[in-house]
N, C-alpha and C. Protein backbone atom coordinates (compact mmCIF):
# COMPACT_ATOMS: atom_id res chain seq x y z
N MET A 1 103.07 86.65 116.94
CA MET A 1 102.36 87.07 115.76
C MET A 1 101.21 86.10 115.47
N GLN A 2 101.46 84.84 115.71
CA GLN A 2 100.41 83.85 115.47
C GLN A 2 99.21 84.10 116.39
N ARG A 3 99.47 84.40 117.65
CA ARG A 3 98.39 84.66 118.61
C ARG A 3 97.51 85.80 118.15
N LEU A 4 98.11 86.78 117.49
CA LEU A 4 97.38 87.96 117.04
C LEU A 4 96.79 87.79 115.64
N GLY A 5 97.11 86.67 114.99
CA GLY A 5 96.59 86.43 113.64
C GLY A 5 97.29 87.28 112.59
N LEU A 6 98.55 87.62 112.84
CA LEU A 6 99.30 88.48 111.92
C LEU A 6 100.06 87.66 110.90
N LYS A 7 100.13 88.15 109.69
CA LYS A 7 100.83 87.48 108.60
C LYS A 7 102.26 88.00 108.48
N VAL A 8 103.09 87.25 107.78
CA VAL A 8 104.48 87.63 107.54
C VAL A 8 104.55 88.99 106.87
N GLU A 9 103.65 89.23 105.94
CA GLU A 9 103.64 90.51 105.23
C GLU A 9 103.43 91.68 106.17
N TRP A 10 102.58 91.49 107.19
CA TRP A 10 102.38 92.53 108.18
C TRP A 10 103.69 92.82 108.90
N GLY A 11 104.40 91.75 109.29
CA GLY A 11 105.67 91.91 109.98
C GLY A 11 106.68 92.65 109.14
N GLN A 12 106.77 92.30 107.86
CA GLN A 12 107.71 92.98 106.97
C GLN A 12 107.39 94.48 106.87
N LYS A 13 106.12 94.80 106.75
CA LYS A 13 105.73 96.21 106.67
C LYS A 13 106.03 96.93 107.99
N TYR A 14 105.71 96.28 109.10
CA TYR A 14 105.95 96.88 110.42
C TYR A 14 107.44 97.13 110.62
N PHE A 15 108.27 96.13 110.32
CA PHE A 15 109.72 96.29 110.49
C PHE A 15 110.25 97.41 109.61
N THR A 16 109.81 97.45 108.36
CA THR A 16 110.27 98.47 107.42
C THR A 16 109.94 99.86 107.94
N GLU A 17 108.72 100.03 108.45
CA GLU A 17 108.28 101.35 108.93
C GLU A 17 108.88 101.71 110.29
N THR A 18 109.12 100.72 111.13
CA THR A 18 109.53 100.98 112.51
C THR A 18 111.05 100.91 112.72
N TYR A 19 111.71 100.06 111.98
CA TYR A 19 113.13 99.80 112.22
C TYR A 19 114.00 100.12 111.00
N ASN A 20 113.80 101.27 110.43
CA ASN A 20 114.67 101.77 109.36
C ASN A 20 114.86 100.80 108.20
N SER A 21 113.76 100.35 107.64
CA SER A 21 113.76 99.53 106.42
C SER A 21 114.27 98.10 106.60
N LYS A 22 114.38 97.63 107.84
CA LYS A 22 114.74 96.23 108.06
C LYS A 22 113.49 95.40 107.79
N ARG A 23 113.57 94.41 106.91
CA ARG A 23 112.39 93.66 106.48
C ARG A 23 112.18 92.36 107.25
N SER A 24 113.11 91.99 108.10
CA SER A 24 113.02 90.71 108.78
C SER A 24 113.55 90.81 110.20
N ARG A 25 113.04 89.93 111.06
CA ARG A 25 113.55 89.89 112.44
C ARG A 25 115.03 89.55 112.48
N ILE A 26 115.51 88.86 111.47
CA ILE A 26 116.93 88.48 111.40
C ILE A 26 117.84 89.69 111.50
N TRP A 27 117.42 90.82 110.97
CA TRP A 27 118.26 92.02 110.90
C TRP A 27 118.09 92.93 112.11
N LEU A 28 117.18 92.60 113.02
CA LEU A 28 116.97 93.45 114.18
C LEU A 28 118.05 93.22 115.23
N THR A 29 118.38 94.28 115.93
CA THR A 29 119.31 94.15 117.06
C THR A 29 118.56 93.50 118.23
N GLU A 30 119.28 93.12 119.25
CA GLU A 30 118.64 92.53 120.42
C GLU A 30 117.66 93.51 121.05
N ALA A 31 118.03 94.77 121.13
CA ALA A 31 117.15 95.80 121.70
C ALA A 31 115.89 95.96 120.85
N GLU A 32 116.03 95.91 119.54
CA GLU A 32 114.86 96.03 118.65
C GLU A 32 113.96 94.81 118.78
N LEU A 33 114.54 93.64 118.92
CA LEU A 33 113.74 92.43 119.12
C LEU A 33 112.94 92.51 120.42
N LEU A 34 113.57 92.98 121.47
CA LEU A 34 112.87 93.13 122.75
C LEU A 34 111.75 94.16 122.64
N ASP A 35 112.00 95.24 121.93
CA ASP A 35 110.98 96.26 121.70
C ASP A 35 109.80 95.67 120.93
N PHE A 36 110.09 94.88 119.90
CA PHE A 36 109.03 94.25 119.11
C PHE A 36 108.25 93.26 119.96
N LEU A 37 108.93 92.47 120.77
CA LEU A 37 108.26 91.51 121.65
C LEU A 37 107.33 92.23 122.62
N LYS A 38 107.81 93.31 123.22
CA LYS A 38 106.96 94.08 124.14
C LYS A 38 105.74 94.63 123.42
N TYR A 39 105.91 95.08 122.19
CA TYR A 39 104.78 95.57 121.40
C TYR A 39 103.76 94.45 121.19
N LEU A 40 104.22 93.28 120.77
CA LEU A 40 103.30 92.16 120.53
C LEU A 40 102.59 91.75 121.81
N GLU A 41 103.34 91.68 122.92
CA GLU A 41 102.74 91.28 124.19
C GLU A 41 101.69 92.28 124.67
N SER A 42 101.80 93.52 124.27
CA SER A 42 100.87 94.54 124.71
C SER A 42 99.56 94.54 123.92
N GLN A 43 99.53 93.78 122.83
CA GLN A 43 98.34 93.73 121.99
C GLN A 43 97.34 92.71 122.50
N PRO A 44 96.05 93.03 122.46
CA PRO A 44 95.05 92.06 122.91
C PRO A 44 94.96 90.88 121.94
N ASP A 45 94.52 89.75 122.46
CA ASP A 45 94.32 88.56 121.61
C ASP A 45 93.31 88.89 120.51
N GLN A 46 93.55 88.33 119.34
CA GLN A 46 92.65 88.53 118.21
C GLN A 46 91.27 87.95 118.49
N VAL A 47 91.23 86.82 119.17
CA VAL A 47 89.97 86.13 119.41
C VAL A 47 89.53 86.25 120.87
N ALA A 48 89.94 87.29 121.55
CA ALA A 48 89.57 87.48 122.96
C ALA A 48 88.06 87.49 123.11
N GLY A 49 87.60 86.84 124.13
CA GLY A 49 86.17 86.83 124.42
C GLY A 49 85.41 85.72 123.76
N LEU A 50 86.06 84.88 122.98
CA LEU A 50 85.35 83.77 122.34
C LEU A 50 85.44 82.53 123.19
């Protein structure tokens, strides 16, 4: 999340919308954590090209 410049609030909103109202990584299952990690890894760097 830091690499992408994302804030905690973004994560809370993403988790709530994507993982049935779970507001924190603490409540995610191992499969959900892996899914979230794959999503983050697939995103381009925020400062790419600088």
